[in-house]
Amino acid sequence: MKKVLQKKSKKATYTGLLIFIVLVVAIVPTLINEYSEMKIQHTKQVSTESMTMTKDEIYKLERQQRELANQYEENHEWLYDEIKDVAPLIEFGYDFMYDHPEYDKLKITYPKTTYKIDGKNVTFISNEGKIIRAHTQEGWENVQVK
């Protein structure tokens, strides 16, 4: 009877240990990602940049933003989300030019965020830009975009 109880006790111990190991394996990547985010957030710098762009250049900028996000999908999931979520907002300028074919260039002010990650600066558009001027064959004109 005593041996049966000892076997059950060992089995329960191994089961408990296995559950503990599974929990640790599941939680550790999340903790590492959170620590990484906290450490990198201290390097955050926000700036604004005005850019004169054609429709094609706006498209390329949006594509570059998505490609940059993909570089951080595995190791810095929070950064991947931050970069990727803004990429569609860049398309607003593209859509505006599509709806207004009389414009061949736009001057857009974009907010940019820079983080220092692994010794290098990572800079990306961090919100929807504001269109401040548009160019036609007659020259530049101020525009009010809502």
C-alpha atoms as a PDB file:
ATOM      1  CA  MET A   1       0.000   0.000   0.000  1.00  0.00           C
ATOM      2  CA  LYS A   2       2.840   2.328   0.879  1.00  0.00           C
ATOM      3  CA  LYS A   3       4.539   1.664  -2.492  1.00  0.00           C
ATOM      4  CA  VAL A   4       1.322   2.500  -4.349  1.00  0.00           C
ATOM      5  CA  LEU A   5       1.097   5.848  -2.535  1.00  0.00           C
ATOM      6  CA  GLN A   6       4.751   6.573  -3.285  1.00  0.00           C
ATOM      7  CA  LYS A   7       4.182   5.874  -7.002  1.00  0.00           C
ATOM      8  CA  LYS A   8       1.124   8.164  -7.036  1.00  0.00           C
ATOM      9  CA  SER A   9       3.099  10.824  -5.196  1.00  0.00           C
ATOM     10  CA  LYS A  10       5.967  10.603  -7.717  1.00  0.00           C
ATOM     11  CA  LYS A  11       3.507  10.712 -10.606  1.00  0.00           C
ATOM     12  CA  ALA A  12       1.832  13.812  -9.142  1.00  0.00           C
ATOM     13  CA  THR A  13       5.239  15.439  -8.635  1.00  0.00           C
ATOM     14  CA  TYR A  14       6.278  14.772 -12.228  1.00  0.00           C
ATOM     15  CA  THR A  15       2.931  16.015 -13.515  1.00  0.00           C
ATOM     16  CA  GLY A  16       3.251  19.185 -11.445  1.00  0.00           C
ATOM     17  CA  LEU A  17       6.816  19.691 -12.656  1.00  0.00           C
ATOM     18  CA  LEU A  18       5.754  19.201 -16.270  1.00  0.00           C
ATOM     19  CA  ILE A  19       2.943  21.754 -15.890  1.00  0.00           C
ATOM     20  CA  PHE A  20       5.395  24.206 -14.312  1.00  0.00           C
ATOM     21  CA  ILE A  21       7.886  23.779 -17.173  1.00  0.00           C
ATOM     22  CA  VAL A  22       5.157  24.281 -19.785  1.00  0.00           C
ATOM     23  CA  LEU A  23       4.031  27.481 -18.042  1.00  0.00           C
ATOM     24  CA  VAL A  24       7.591  28.811 -17.857  1.00  0.00           C
ATOM     25  CA  VAL A  25       8.199  28.042 -21.534  1.00  0.00           C
ATOM     26  CA  ALA A  26       4.954  29.829 -22.426  1.00  0.00           C
ATOM     27  CA  ILE A  27       5.608  32.905 -20.266  1.00  0.00           C
ATOM     28  CA  VAL A  28       9.340  33.524 -20.842  1.00  0.00           C
ATOM     29  CA  PRO A  29       9.040  34.842 -24.443  1.00  0.00           C
ATOM     30  CA  THR A  30       6.356  37.298 -23.313  1.00  0.00           C
ATOM     31  CA  LEU A  31       8.531  38.506 -20.453  1.00  0.00           C
ATOM     32  CA  ILE A  32      11.522  38.920 -22.763  1.00  0.00           C
ATOM     33  CA  ASN A  33       9.409  40.928 -25.234  1.00  0.00           C
ATOM     34  CA  GLU A  34       8.100  43.169 -22.421  1.00  0.00           C
ATOM     35  CA  TYR A  35      11.603  43.760 -21.055  1.00  0.00           C
ATOM     36  CA  SER A  36      12.891  44.547 -24.540  1.00  0.00           C
ATOM     37  CA  GLU A  37      10.086  47.053 -25.081  1.00  0.00           C
ATOM     38  CA  MET A  38      10.716  48.815 -21.760  1.00  0.00           C
ATOM     39  CA  LYS A  39      14.444  49.049 -22.460  1.00  0.00           C
ATOM     40  CA  ILE A  40      13.993  50.367 -26.009  1.00  0.00           C
ATOM     41  CA  GLN A  41      11.195  52.821 -25.092  1.00  0.00           C
ATOM     42  CA  HIS A  42      13.765  54.862 -23.151  1.00  0.00           C
ATOM     43  CA  THR A  43      15.532  55.669 -26.433  1.00  0.00           C
ATOM     44  CA  LYS A  44      12.388  56.980 -28.162  1.00  0.00           C
ATOM     45  CA  GLN A  45      12.670  60.286 -30.028  1.00  0.00           C
ATOM     46  CA  VAL A  46       9.821  61.932 -31.933  1.00  0.00           C
ATOM     47  CA  SER A  47      10.362  64.475 -34.700  1.00  0.00           C
ATOM     48  CA  THR A  48       8.534  65.928 -37.680  1.00  0.00           C
ATOM     49  CA  GLU A  49       9.698  65.908 -41.273  1.00  0.00           C
ATOM     50  CA  SER A  50       8.244  67.629 -44.318  1.00  0.00           C
ATOM     51  CA  MET A  51       8.568  65.684 -47.536  1.00  0.00           C
ATOM     52  CA  THR A  52       7.727  66.591 -51.121  1.00  0.00           C
ATOM     53  CA  MET A  53       6.475  63.441 -52.779  1.00  0.00           C
ATOM     54  CA  THR A  54       4.885  62.097 -55.935  1.00  0.00           C
ATOM     55  CA  LYS A  55       2.198  59.419 -55.872  1.00  0.00           C
ATOM     56  CA  ASP A  56       4.820  56.749 -56.605  1.00  0.00           C
ATOM     57  CA  GLU A  57       7.071  57.988 -53.801  1.00  0.00           C
ATOM     58  CA  ILE A  58       4.178  57.836 -51.335  1.00  0.00           C
ATOM     59  CA  TYR A  59       3.506  54.261 -52.403  1.00  0.00           C
ATOM     60  CA  LYS A  60       7.193  53.372 -51.966  1.00  0.00           C
ATOM     61  CA  LEU A  61       7.272  54.988 -48.517  1.00  0.00           C
ATOM     62  CA  GLU A  62       4.289  52.919 -47.407  1.00  0.00           C
ATOM     63  CA  ARG A  63       5.918  49.769 -48.768  1.00  0.00           C
ATOM     64  CA  GLN A  64       9.204  50.555 -47.001  1.00  0.00           C
ATOM     65  CA  GLN A  65       7.269  50.987 -43.765  1.00  0.00           C
ATOM     66  CA  ARG A  66       5.718  47.519 -44.130  1.00  0.00           C
ATOM     67  CA  GLU A  67       9.102  45.971 -44.980  1.00  0.00           C
ATOM     68  CA  LEU A  68      10.651  47.635 -41.935  1.00  0.00           C
ATOM     69  CA  ALA A  69       7.856  46.272 -39.743  1.00  0.00           C
ATOM     70  CA  ASN A  70       8.473  42.755 -41.042  1.00  0.00           C
ATOM     71  CA  GLN A  71      12.084  42.913 -39.817  1.00  0.00           C
ATOM     72  CA  TYR A  72      10.816  43.136 -36.226  1.00  0.00           C
ATOM     73  CA  GLU A  73       7.919  40.667 -36.360  1.00  0.00           C
ATOM     74  CA  GLU A  74       9.718  37.890 -34.486  1.00  0.00           C
ATOM     75  CA  ASN A  75      12.089  39.634 -32.070  1.00  0.00           C
ATOM     76  CA  HIS A  76      10.180  42.808 -31.158  1.00  0.00           C
ATOM     77  CA  GLU A  77       6.494  42.101 -31.691  1.00  0.00           C
ATOM     78  CA  TRP A  78       5.405  45.378 -30.077  1.00  0.00           C
ATOM     79  CA  LEU A  79       7.590  47.360 -32.526  1.00  0.00           C
ATOM     80  CA  TYR A  80       6.286  45.325 -35.454  1.00  0.00           C
ATOM     81  CA  ASP A  81       2.737  46.291 -34.439  1.00  0.00           C
ATOM     82  CA  GLU A  82       3.640  49.953 -33.929  1.00  0.00           C
ATOM     83  CA  ILE A  83       5.237  50.282 -37.372  1.00  0.00           C
ATOM     84  CA  LYS A  84       2.745  48.102 -39.260  1.00  0.00           C
ATOM     85  CA  ASP A  85      -0.353  49.783 -37.823  1.00  0.00           C
ATOM     86  CA  VAL A  86       0.671  53.178 -39.207  1.00  0.00           C
ATOM     87  CA  ALA A  87       1.567  51.980 -42.724  1.00  0.00           C
ATOM     88  CA  PRO A  88      -2.022  52.241 -44.042  1.00  0.00           C
ATOM     89  CA  LEU A  89      -2.214  55.856 -42.818  1.00  0.00           C
ATOM     90  CA  ILE A  90       0.606  56.773 -45.207  1.00  0.00           C
ATOM     91  CA  GLU A  91      -1.661  55.777 -48.089  1.00  0.00           C
ATOM     92  CA  PHE A  92      -3.892  58.788 -47.384  1.00  0.00           C
ATOM     93  CA  GLY A  93      -1.613  60.983 -49.504  1.00  0.00           C
ATOM     94  CA  TYR A  94      -1.708  58.403 -52.293  1.00  0.00           C
ATOM     95  CA  ASP A  95      -5.504  58.280 -52.161  1.00  0.00           C
ATOM     96  CA  PHE A  96      -5.686  62.080 -52.143  1.00  0.00           C
ATOM     97  CA  MET A  97      -3.577  62.274 -55.306  1.00  0.00           C
ATOM     98  CA  TYR A  98      -5.638  59.541 -56.929  1.00  0.00           C
ATOM     99  CA  ASP A  99      -8.805  61.533 -56.200  1.00  0.00           C
ATOM    100  CA  HIS A 100      -7.162  64.760 -57.437  1.00  0.00           C
ATOM    101  CA  PRO A 101      -5.223  63.907 -60.612  1.00  0.00           C
ATOM    102  CA  GLU A 102      -4.465  67.600 -61.177  1.00  0.00           C
ATOM    103  CA  TYR A 103      -1.796  67.314 -58.450  1.00  0.00           C
ATOM    104  CA  ASP A 104       1.546  65.779 -59.343  1.00  0.00           C
ATOM    105  CA  LYS A 105       3.309  66.359 -55.989  1.00  0.00           C
ATOM    106  CA  LEU A 106       2.329  66.893 -52.393  1.00  0.00           C
ATOM    107  CA  LYS A 107       4.210  68.453 -49.518  1.00  0.00           C
ATOM    108  CA  ILE A 108       3.356  66.331 -46.498  1.00  0.00           C
ATOM    109  CA  THR A 109       4.476  66.735 -42.901  1.00  0.00           C
ATOM    110  CA  TYR A 110       4.934  63.368 -41.191  1.00  0.00           C
ATOM    111  CA  PRO A 111       5.653  62.660 -37.523  1.00  0.00           C
ATOM    112  CA  LYS A 112       8.553  60.237 -37.176  1.00  0.00           C
ATOM    113  CA  THR A 113       9.655  58.044 -34.306  1.00  0.00           C
ATOM    114  CA  THR A 114      13.218  56.858 -33.806  1.00  0.00           C
ATOM    115  CA  TYR A 115      14.327  54.066 -31.474  1.00  0.00           C
ATOM    116  CA  LYS A 116      17.854  52.851 -30.856  1.00  0.00           C
ATOM    117  CA  ILE A 117      17.831  49.063 -31.225  1.00  0.00           C
ATOM    118  CA  ASP A 118      20.937  46.902 -31.084  1.00  0.00           C
ATOM    119  CA  GLY A 119      23.155  49.940 -31.629  1.00  0.00           C
ATOM    120  CA  LYS A 120      21.354  51.283 -34.696  1.00  0.00           C
ATOM    121  CA  ASN A 121      18.621  53.865 -35.183  1.00  0.00           C
ATOM    122  CA  VAL A 122      15.258  52.632 -36.437  1.00  0.00           C
ATOM    123  CA  THR A 123      13.168  55.497 -37.829  1.00  0.00           C
ATOM    124  CA  PHE A 124       9.642  55.231 -39.166  1.00  0.00           C
ATOM    125  CA  ILE A 125       6.523  57.286 -39.852  1.00  0.00           C
ATOM    126  CA  SER A 126       4.518  57.213 -36.638  1.00  0.00           C
ATOM    127  CA  ASN A 127       1.201  58.728 -37.643  1.00  0.00           C
ATOM    128  CA  GLU A 128      -0.827  60.027 -40.554  1.00  0.00           C
ATOM    129  CA  GLY A 129       0.845  62.917 -42.302  1.00  0.00           C
ATOM    130  CA  LYS A 130      -0.679  66.301 -42.908  1.00  0.00           C
ATOM    131  CA  ILE A 131      -0.866  67.527 -46.494  1.00  0.00           C
ATOM    132  CA  ILE A 132       0.136  71.183 -46.481  1.00  0.00           C
ATOM    133  CA  ARG A 133       0.703  71.995 -50.169  1.00  0.00           C
ATOM    134  CA  ALA A 134      -0.061  70.508 -53.550  1.00  0.00           C
ATOM    135  CA  HIS A 135       1.660  71.068 -56.879  1.00  0.00           C
ATOM    136  CA  THR A 136      -0.084  71.479 -60.233  1.00  0.00           C
ATOM    137  CA  GLN A 137       1.185  72.577 -63.639  1.00  0.00           C
ATOM    138  CA  GLU A 138       0.566  76.176 -62.529  1.00  0.00           C
ATOM    139  CA  GLY A 139       2.694  75.812 -59.377  1.00  0.00           C
ATOM    140  CA  TRP A 140       2.251  75.205 -55.679  1.00  0.00           C
ATOM    141  CA  GLU A 141      -0.964  75.906 -53.799  1.00  0.00           C
ATOM    142  CA  ASN A 142      -2.018  75.554 -50.191  1.00  0.00           C
ATOM    143  CA  VAL A 143      -4.645  72.898 -49.594  1.00  0.00           C
ATOM    144  CA  GLN A 144      -7.072  72.255 -46.773  1.00  0.00           C
ATOM    145  CA  VAL A 145      -7.539  68.531 -46.268  1.00  0.00           C
ATOM    146  CA  LYS A 146      -9.935  67.241 -43.648  1.00  0.00           C
END
